[in-house]
Protein backbone atom coordinates (compact mmCIF):
# COMPACT_ATOMS: atom_id res chain seq x y z
CA UNK A 1 0.00 0.00 0.00
CA UNK A 2 1.36 3.40 -0.99
CA UNK A 3 1.55 6.03 1.72
CA UNK A 4 -0.25 9.26 0.89
CA UNK A 5 -0.59 12.64 2.52
CA UNK A 6 -4.19 12.85 1.28
CA UNK A 7 -6.88 13.23 3.87
CA UNK A 8 -10.55 12.43 3.57
CA UNK A 9 -13.52 13.28 5.67
CA UNK A 10 -17.19 12.46 5.91
CA UNK A 11 -19.22 15.22 7.51
CA UNK A 12 -22.79 14.59 8.62
CA UNK A 13 -24.85 17.72 9.19
CA UNK A 14 -28.41 17.81 10.47
CA UNK A 15 -30.32 20.97 9.66
CA UNK A 16 -32.93 22.64 11.80
CA UNK A 17 -36.36 21.09 11.07
CA UNK A 18 -37.44 21.83 7.51
CA UNK A 19 -34.09 23.43 6.58
CA UNK A 20 -32.42 20.44 4.87
CA UNK A 21 -32.83 21.85 1.36
CA UNK A 22 -31.51 25.25 2.44
CA UNK A 23 -28.49 23.58 4.05
CA UNK A 24 -27.80 21.56 0.90
CA UNK A 25 -28.09 24.68 -1.29
CA UNK A 26 -25.71 26.58 0.99
CA UNK A 27 -23.19 23.74 0.95
CA UNK A 28 -23.40 23.58 -2.85
CA UNK A 29 -22.43 27.27 -2.91
CA UNK A 30 -19.52 26.42 -0.59
CA UNK A 31 -18.54 23.68 -3.07
CA UNK A 32 -18.57 26.21 -5.92
CA UNK A 33 -16.21 28.41 -3.91
CA UNK A 34 -13.86 25.47 -3.34
CA UNK A 35 -13.59 24.48 -7.03
CA UNK A 36 -10.40 26.50 -7.40
CA UNK A 37 -9.06 25.94 -3.87
CA UNK A 38 -5.55 24.50 -4.03
CA UNK A 39 -5.54 20.91 -2.78
CA UNK A 40 -9.30 20.33 -2.93
CA UNK A 41 -9.70 17.05 -4.81
CA UNK A 42 -13.33 16.37 -3.88
CA UNK A 43 -16.08 18.25 -2.04
CA UNK A 44 -19.27 16.32 -2.69
CA UNK A 45 -22.61 17.35 -1.16
CA UNK A 46 -25.04 14.45 -0.63
CA UNK A 47 -28.68 14.41 0.50
CA UNK A 48 -29.62 11.59 2.84
CA UNK A 49 -32.10 9.25 1.16
CA UNK A 50 -34.13 8.70 4.33
CA UNK A 51 -33.51 11.79 6.50
CA UNK A 52 -34.84 14.96 4.83
CA UNK A 53 -32.86 17.36 7.01
CA UNK A 54 -29.55 15.46 6.91
CA UNK A 55 -26.77 16.35 4.48
CA UNK A 56 -23.47 14.50 4.11
CA UNK A 57 -20.32 16.05 2.67
CA UNK A 58 -17.53 13.86 1.33
CA UNK A 59 -14.15 15.61 1.20
CA UNK A 60 -10.75 14.62 -0.19
CA UNK A 61 -7.80 16.98 0.19
CA UNK A 62 -4.20 16.71 -1.01
CA UNK A 63 -3.07 17.19 2.61
CA UNK A 64 -4.25 18.52 5.96
CA UNK A 65 -2.79 21.97 5.30
CA UNK A 66 -4.91 22.39 2.15
CA UNK A 67 -8.05 21.47 4.09
CA UNK A 68 -7.23 23.79 6.98
CA UNK A 69 -6.33 26.67 4.65
CA UNK A 70 -9.47 26.38 2.54
CA UNK A 71 -11.99 25.79 5.31
CA UNK A 72 -10.62 28.51 7.60
CA UNK A 73 -10.69 31.12 4.85
CA UNK A 74 -13.30 32.67 2.61
CA UNK A 75 -15.66 29.98 1.33
CA UNK A 76 -16.86 32.10 -1.55
CA UNK A 77 -20.46 33.25 -1.75
CA UNK A 78 -21.54 31.25 1.32
CA UNK A 79 -19.70 31.66 4.59
CA UNK A 80 -19.26 29.24 7.44
CA UNK A 81 -21.62 31.34 9.57
CA UNK A 82 -24.40 30.79 7.06
CA UNK A 83 -23.88 27.02 7.27
CA UNK A 84 -23.73 26.99 11.09
CA UNK A 85 -26.94 29.03 11.36
CA UNK A 86 -28.85 26.24 9.58
CA UNK A 87 -27.59 23.40 11.79
CA UNK A 88 -29.59 21.78 14.58
CA UNK A 89 -26.33 20.77 16.32
CA UNK A 90 -22.62 20.42 15.68
CA UNK A 91 -21.55 18.49 12.59
CA UNK A 92 -20.28 14.94 13.02
CA UNK A 93 -16.84 14.38 11.47
CA UNK A 94 -15.22 11.12 10.42
CA UNK A 95 -11.57 11.59 9.39
CA UNK A 96 -10.17 9.12 6.86
CA UNK A 97 -7.04 8.24 4.94
CA UNK A 98 -7.97 7.71 1.28
CA UNK A 99 -6.29 4.62 -0.16
CA UNK A 100 -7.45 4.88 -3.78
CA UNK A 101 -10.17 3.64 -6.06
CA UNK A 102 -12.19 4.80 -9.04
CA UNK A 103 -12.37 8.56 -9.29
CA UNK A 104 -9.16 9.38 -7.45
C-alpha atoms as a PDB file:
ATOM      1  CA  UNK A   1       0.000   0.000   0.000  1.00  0.00           C
ATOM      2  CA  UNK A   2       1.358   3.402  -0.994  1.00  0.00           C
ATOM      3  CA  UNK A   3       1.549   6.035   1.724  1.00  0.00           C
ATOM      4  CA  UNK A   4      -0.253   9.265   0.890  1.00  0.00           C
ATOM      5  CA  UNK A   5      -0.587  12.643   2.517  1.00  0.00           C
ATOM      6  CA  UNK A   6      -4.188  12.849   1.280  1.00  0.00           C
ATOM      7  CA  UNK A   7      -6.875  13.235   3.870  1.00  0.00           C
ATOM      8  CA  UNK A   8     -10.546  12.425   3.573  1.00  0.00           C
ATOM      9  CA  UNK A   9     -13.522  13.283   5.674  1.00  0.00           C
ATOM     10  CA  UNK A  10     -17.192  12.458   5.910  1.00  0.00           C
ATOM     11  CA  UNK A  11     -19.217  15.223   7.506  1.00  0.00           C
ATOM     12  CA  UNK A  12     -22.794  14.587   8.623  1.00  0.00           C
ATOM     13  CA  UNK A  13     -24.854  17.720   9.192  1.00  0.00           C
ATOM     14  CA  UNK A  14     -28.407  17.814  10.475  1.00  0.00           C
ATOM     15  CA  UNK A  15     -30.323  20.970   9.655  1.00  0.00           C
ATOM     16  CA  UNK A  16     -32.928  22.637  11.804  1.00  0.00           C
ATOM     17  CA  UNK A  17     -36.357  21.088  11.069  1.00  0.00           C
ATOM     18  CA  UNK A  18     -37.439  21.829   7.514  1.00  0.00           C
ATOM     19  CA  UNK A  19     -34.092  23.427   6.584  1.00  0.00           C
ATOM     20  CA  UNK A  20     -32.421  20.444   4.875  1.00  0.00           C
ATOM     21  CA  UNK A  21     -32.831  21.848   1.359  1.00  0.00           C
ATOM     22  CA  UNK A  22     -31.509  25.253   2.439  1.00  0.00           C
ATOM     23  CA  UNK A  23     -28.490  23.585   4.048  1.00  0.00           C
ATOM     24  CA  UNK A  24     -27.803  21.557   0.896  1.00  0.00           C
ATOM     25  CA  UNK A  25     -28.094  24.680  -1.289  1.00  0.00           C
ATOM     26  CA  UNK A  26     -25.711  26.579   0.988  1.00  0.00           C
ATOM     27  CA  UNK A  27     -23.186  23.736   0.945  1.00  0.00           C
ATOM     28  CA  UNK A  28     -23.395  23.577  -2.852  1.00  0.00           C
ATOM     29  CA  UNK A  29     -22.428  27.266  -2.908  1.00  0.00           C
ATOM     30  CA  UNK A  30     -19.524  26.416  -0.587  1.00  0.00           C
ATOM     31  CA  UNK A  31     -18.536  23.684  -3.070  1.00  0.00           C
ATOM     32  CA  UNK A  32     -18.572  26.214  -5.918  1.00  0.00           C
ATOM     33  CA  UNK A  33     -16.211  28.411  -3.906  1.00  0.00           C
ATOM     34  CA  UNK A  34     -13.858  25.467  -3.344  1.00  0.00           C
ATOM     35  CA  UNK A  35     -13.589  24.482  -7.030  1.00  0.00           C
ATOM     36  CA  UNK A  36     -10.399  26.501  -7.404  1.00  0.00           C
ATOM     37  CA  UNK A  37      -9.062  25.942  -3.875  1.00  0.00           C
ATOM     38  CA  UNK A  38      -5.547  24.496  -4.029  1.00  0.00           C
ATOM     39  CA  UNK A  39      -5.536  20.909  -2.778  1.00  0.00           C
ATOM     40  CA  UNK A  40      -9.304  20.331  -2.934  1.00  0.00           C
ATOM     41  CA  UNK A  41      -9.704  17.052  -4.813  1.00  0.00           C
ATOM     42  CA  UNK A  42     -13.327  16.371  -3.876  1.00  0.00           C
ATOM     43  CA  UNK A  43     -16.078  18.246  -2.042  1.00  0.00           C
ATOM     44  CA  UNK A  44     -19.270  16.321  -2.693  1.00  0.00           C
ATOM     45  CA  UNK A  45     -22.606  17.348  -1.163  1.00  0.00           C
ATOM     46  CA  UNK A  46     -25.038  14.449  -0.634  1.00  0.00           C
ATOM     47  CA  UNK A  47     -28.675  14.409   0.498  1.00  0.00           C
ATOM     48  CA  UNK A  48     -29.617  11.589   2.841  1.00  0.00           C
ATOM     49  CA  UNK A  49     -32.095   9.248   1.158  1.00  0.00           C
ATOM     50  CA  UNK A  50     -34.126   8.705   4.328  1.00  0.00           C
ATOM     51  CA  UNK A  51     -33.515  11.791   6.501  1.00  0.00           C
ATOM     52  CA  UNK A  52     -34.836  14.958   4.826  1.00  0.00           C
ATOM     53  CA  UNK A  53     -32.859  17.358   7.012  1.00  0.00           C
ATOM     54  CA  UNK A  54     -29.546  15.462   6.909  1.00  0.00           C
ATOM     55  CA  UNK A  55     -26.767  16.353   4.478  1.00  0.00           C
ATOM     56  CA  UNK A  56     -23.466  14.504   4.108  1.00  0.00           C
ATOM     57  CA  UNK A  57     -20.316  16.052   2.670  1.00  0.00           C
ATOM     58  CA  UNK A  58     -17.528  13.858   1.326  1.00  0.00           C
ATOM     59  CA  UNK A  59     -14.148  15.606   1.201  1.00  0.00           C
ATOM     60  CA  UNK A  60     -10.749  14.619  -0.188  1.00  0.00           C
ATOM     61  CA  UNK A  61      -7.798  16.982   0.185  1.00  0.00           C
ATOM     62  CA  UNK A  62      -4.204  16.706  -1.006  1.00  0.00           C
ATOM     63  CA  UNK A  63      -3.071  17.191   2.606  1.00  0.00           C
ATOM     64  CA  UNK A  64      -4.252  18.524   5.964  1.00  0.00           C
ATOM     65  CA  UNK A  65      -2.795  21.970   5.303  1.00  0.00           C
ATOM     66  CA  UNK A  66      -4.906  22.387   2.155  1.00  0.00           C
ATOM     67  CA  UNK A  67      -8.049  21.474   4.091  1.00  0.00           C
ATOM     68  CA  UNK A  68      -7.231  23.793   6.981  1.00  0.00           C
ATOM     69  CA  UNK A  69      -6.328  26.668   4.651  1.00  0.00           C
ATOM     70  CA  UNK A  70      -9.474  26.378   2.537  1.00  0.00           C
ATOM     71  CA  UNK A  71     -11.990  25.794   5.307  1.00  0.00           C
ATOM     72  CA  UNK A  72     -10.616  28.508   7.599  1.00  0.00           C
ATOM     73  CA  UNK A  73     -10.694  31.120   4.848  1.00  0.00           C
ATOM     74  CA  UNK A  74     -13.300  32.668   2.611  1.00  0.00           C
ATOM     75  CA  UNK A  75     -15.660  29.978   1.326  1.00  0.00           C
ATOM     76  CA  UNK A  76     -16.865  32.098  -1.546  1.00  0.00           C
ATOM     77  CA  UNK A  77     -20.455  33.245  -1.745  1.00  0.00           C
ATOM     78  CA  UNK A  78     -21.545  31.249   1.318  1.00  0.00           C
ATOM     79  CA  UNK A  79     -19.697  31.664   4.589  1.00  0.00           C
ATOM     80  CA  UNK A  80     -19.257  29.236   7.440  1.00  0.00           C
ATOM     81  CA  UNK A  81     -21.616  31.339   9.569  1.00  0.00           C
ATOM     82  CA  UNK A  82     -24.404  30.791   7.062  1.00  0.00           C
ATOM     83  CA  UNK A  83     -23.882  27.020   7.275  1.00  0.00           C
ATOM     84  CA  UNK A  84     -23.733  26.985  11.086  1.00  0.00           C
ATOM     85  CA  UNK A  85     -26.943  29.034  11.356  1.00  0.00           C
ATOM     86  CA  UNK A  86     -28.845  26.241   9.578  1.00  0.00           C
ATOM     87  CA  UNK A  87     -27.586  23.401  11.791  1.00  0.00           C
ATOM     88  CA  UNK A  88     -29.591  21.775  14.579  1.00  0.00           C
ATOM     89  CA  UNK A  89     -26.333  20.771  16.318  1.00  0.00           C
ATOM     90  CA  UNK A  90     -22.625  20.420  15.680  1.00  0.00           C
ATOM     91  CA  UNK A  91     -21.552  18.489  12.589  1.00  0.00           C
ATOM     92  CA  UNK A  92     -20.280  14.936  13.018  1.00  0.00           C
ATOM     93  CA  UNK A  93     -16.835  14.376  11.471  1.00  0.00           C
ATOM     94  CA  UNK A  94     -15.217  11.118  10.424  1.00  0.00           C
ATOM     95  CA  UNK A  95     -11.570  11.594   9.392  1.00  0.00           C
ATOM     96  CA  UNK A  96     -10.171   9.124   6.862  1.00  0.00           C
ATOM     97  CA  UNK A  97      -7.038   8.238   4.941  1.00  0.00           C
ATOM     98  CA  UNK A  98      -7.969   7.709   1.276  1.00  0.00           C
ATOM     99  CA  UNK A  99      -6.295   4.618  -0.158  1.00  0.00           C
ATOM    100  CA  UNK A 100      -7.446   4.883  -3.777  1.00  0.00           C
ATOM    101  CA  UNK A 101     -10.173   3.638  -6.059  1.00  0.00           C
ATOM    102  CA  UNK A 102     -12.194   4.797  -9.038  1.00  0.00           C
ATOM    103  CA  UNK A 103     -12.369   8.557  -9.294  1.00  0.00           C
ATOM    104  CA  UNK A 104      -9.160   9.383  -7.446  1.00  0.00           C
END
